[in-house]
Amino acid sequence: MTSEWRVPVRHVAVKAAAAVAFAALTTALALGGSAPGALLAGVAAAAGAALTARDLLSPVRLSADADGITVPHGLIGQVRLTWPEIASIRVDVRQRLGLTTRLLEIDTGERLYLLSAYDLGAEPDDVAEALRATAPGDGERR
């Protein structure tokens, strides 16, 4: 059985709407004669469009089965890791400026893969627990 975690559709929709809004703002600023403002809004529109394209082309951020996991690598690429390659799976919790950030950390010893709740569409604690349960005969991967 394969488990998958993906970017929520509502997050993709918000990024697409922001890209469209910044594109409209770019046009308005360019027609109004504000070249620096149009350039800045244009960069924001391009960034929003790129993030939306990434989410549409590679919506699944993490998948796991009995053989291993598939994690993001680069902008839209993926890499397959077998369970023996994974040194640890844990959730990093940080508090700063009154905000708490939780990231799922998948450590291979050579690479560290970080995924947020926005990437996974689920809480990192729940995903970590599911990954540990999927790993064959493994209670030590913490």
Protein backbone atom coordinates (compact mmCIF):
# COMPACT_ATOMS: atom_id res chain seq x y z
CA MET A 1 0.00 0.00 0.00
CA THR A 2 1.29 3.44 -0.93
CA SER A 3 0.59 6.56 1.12
CA GLU A 4 0.82 9.99 -0.49
CA TRP A 5 0.91 13.53 0.82
CA ARG A 6 0.35 16.41 -1.58
CA VAL A 7 -0.03 20.16 -1.77
CA PRO A 8 -3.64 21.09 -0.95
CA VAL A 9 -5.64 22.35 -3.93
CA ARG A 10 -6.65 25.51 -2.05
CA HIS A 11 -2.98 26.49 -1.68
CA VAL A 12 -2.44 26.06 -5.43
CA ALA A 13 -5.52 28.17 -6.10
CA VAL A 14 -4.30 30.97 -3.82
CA LYS A 15 -0.89 31.01 -5.55
CA ALA A 16 -2.55 31.11 -8.98
CA ALA A 17 -4.85 33.95 -7.90
CA ALA A 18 -1.91 35.91 -6.52
CA ALA A 19 0.00 35.44 -9.78
CA VAL A 20 -2.98 36.74 -11.78
CA ALA A 21 -3.45 39.69 -9.42
CA PHE A 22 0.22 40.66 -9.67
CA ALA A 23 0.08 40.32 -13.47
CA ALA A 24 -2.90 42.73 -13.54
CA LEU A 25 -1.06 45.09 -11.21
CA THR A 26 1.99 44.93 -13.48
CA THR A 27 -0.14 46.04 -16.43
CA ALA A 28 -1.78 48.84 -14.47
CA LEU A 29 1.55 50.15 -13.19
CA ALA A 30 3.15 49.94 -16.64
CA LEU A 31 0.27 51.88 -18.19
CA GLY A 32 0.46 54.40 -15.34
CA GLY A 33 4.13 55.05 -16.06
CA SER A 34 5.65 53.44 -12.96
CA ALA A 35 8.43 51.32 -14.45
CA PRO A 36 10.02 50.31 -11.10
CA GLY A 37 6.64 49.32 -9.66
CA ALA A 38 5.73 47.40 -12.81
CA LEU A 39 9.06 45.55 -12.68
CA LEU A 40 8.57 44.59 -9.04
CA ALA A 41 4.98 43.45 -9.61
CA GLY A 42 6.12 41.55 -12.70
CA VAL A 43 8.73 39.66 -10.68
CA ALA A 44 6.07 38.80 -8.09
CA ALA A 45 3.72 37.60 -10.86
CA ALA A 46 6.46 35.42 -12.36
CA ALA A 47 7.32 33.94 -8.96
CA GLY A 48 3.66 33.17 -8.26
CA ALA A 49 3.27 31.58 -11.69
CA ALA A 50 6.42 29.47 -11.17
CA LEU A 51 5.21 28.24 -7.76
CA THR A 52 1.79 27.44 -9.20
CA ALA A 53 3.37 25.55 -12.11
CA ARG A 54 5.56 23.57 -9.70
CA ASP A 55 2.51 22.59 -7.64
CA LEU A 56 0.57 21.56 -10.75
CA LEU A 57 3.45 19.58 -12.30
CA SER A 58 4.52 17.88 -9.08
CA PRO A 59 1.64 17.93 -6.58
CA VAL A 60 2.72 14.85 -4.61
CA ARG A 61 5.46 15.95 -2.21
CA LEU A 62 5.95 12.68 -0.37
CA SER A 63 4.95 9.08 -0.93
CA ALA A 64 5.82 5.98 1.06
CA ASP A 65 5.47 2.24 0.67
CA ALA A 66 7.11 -0.88 2.08
CA ASP A 67 10.24 -0.37 -0.08
CA GLY A 68 10.95 3.28 0.77
CA ILE A 69 9.87 6.86 0.18
CA THR A 70 9.89 9.37 -2.65
CA VAL A 71 10.77 12.95 -1.73
CA PRO A 72 11.12 16.19 -3.72
CA HIS A 73 14.47 16.95 -5.29
CA GLY A 74 14.94 20.29 -7.00
CA LEU A 75 12.03 22.30 -8.36
CA ILE A 76 9.88 19.48 -9.77
CA GLY A 77 12.13 16.43 -9.51
CA GLN A 78 11.86 13.53 -7.13
CA VAL A 79 14.29 11.05 -5.62
CA ARG A 80 13.55 7.58 -4.33
CA LEU A 81 15.04 6.57 -0.96
CA THR A 82 14.97 3.03 0.35
CA TRP A 83 14.32 2.52 4.06
CA PRO A 84 17.94 1.54 4.84
CA GLU A 85 19.11 4.87 3.34
CA ILE A 86 17.05 6.86 5.86
CA ALA A 87 18.93 7.63 9.06
CA SER A 88 16.08 9.39 10.86
CA ILE A 89 12.58 10.79 10.54
CA ARG A 90 11.64 13.49 13.00
CA VAL A 91 9.68 16.70 13.40
CA ASP A 92 11.64 19.87 14.08
CA VAL A 93 9.73 22.39 16.19
CA ARG A 94 10.91 26.01 16.40
CA GLN A 95 9.37 29.01 18.09
CA ARG A 96 10.20 32.50 16.96
CA LEU A 97 8.35 35.79 17.23
CA GLY A 98 5.35 34.06 18.79
CA LEU A 99 4.98 31.60 15.92
CA THR A 100 5.60 27.85 16.04
CA THR A 101 7.02 26.16 12.95
CA ARG A 102 6.92 22.39 12.50
CA LEU A 103 8.90 20.71 9.73
CA LEU A 104 9.14 17.05 8.85
CA GLU A 105 12.84 16.16 8.60
CA ILE A 106 13.96 13.13 6.62
CA ASP A 107 17.69 12.67 7.14
CA THR A 108 19.82 10.33 5.04
CA GLY A 109 23.09 11.31 6.69
CA GLU A 110 24.16 13.11 3.51
CA ARG A 111 20.97 15.02 2.71
CA LEU A 112 18.21 16.53 4.76
CA TYR A 113 14.73 16.79 3.27
CA LEU A 114 12.38 19.31 4.93
CA LEU A 115 8.63 19.36 4.36
CA SER A 116 6.06 21.65 5.96
CA ALA A 117 2.35 21.17 6.54
CA TYR A 118 1.80 23.33 3.44
CA ASP A 119 3.79 20.84 1.35
CA LEU A 120 2.15 17.79 2.86
CA GLY A 121 -1.46 18.86 3.34
CA ALA A 122 -1.20 17.26 6.81
CA GLU A 123 0.51 17.88 10.12
CA PRO A 124 4.18 16.84 10.09
CA ASP A 125 3.70 14.88 13.34
CA ASP A 126 1.00 12.74 11.72
CA VAL A 127 3.10 12.15 8.61
CA ALA A 128 6.17 11.20 10.67
CA GLU A 129 4.07 8.68 12.60
CA ALA A 130 2.68 7.22 9.37
CA LEU A 131 6.18 6.94 7.88
CA ARG A 132 7.49 5.17 10.96
CA ALA A 133 4.56 2.76 10.79
CA THR A 134 5.26 2.09 7.10
CA ALA A 135 8.98 1.38 7.60
CA PRO A 136 9.44 -2.39 7.76
CA GLY A 137 10.35 -3.65 11.25
CA ASP A 138 11.58 -0.27 12.36
CA GLY A 139 10.87 1.35 15.69
CA GLU A 140 14.22 3.08 15.99
CA ARG A 141 13.85 5.63 13.16
CA ARG A 142 12.99 8.62 15.35
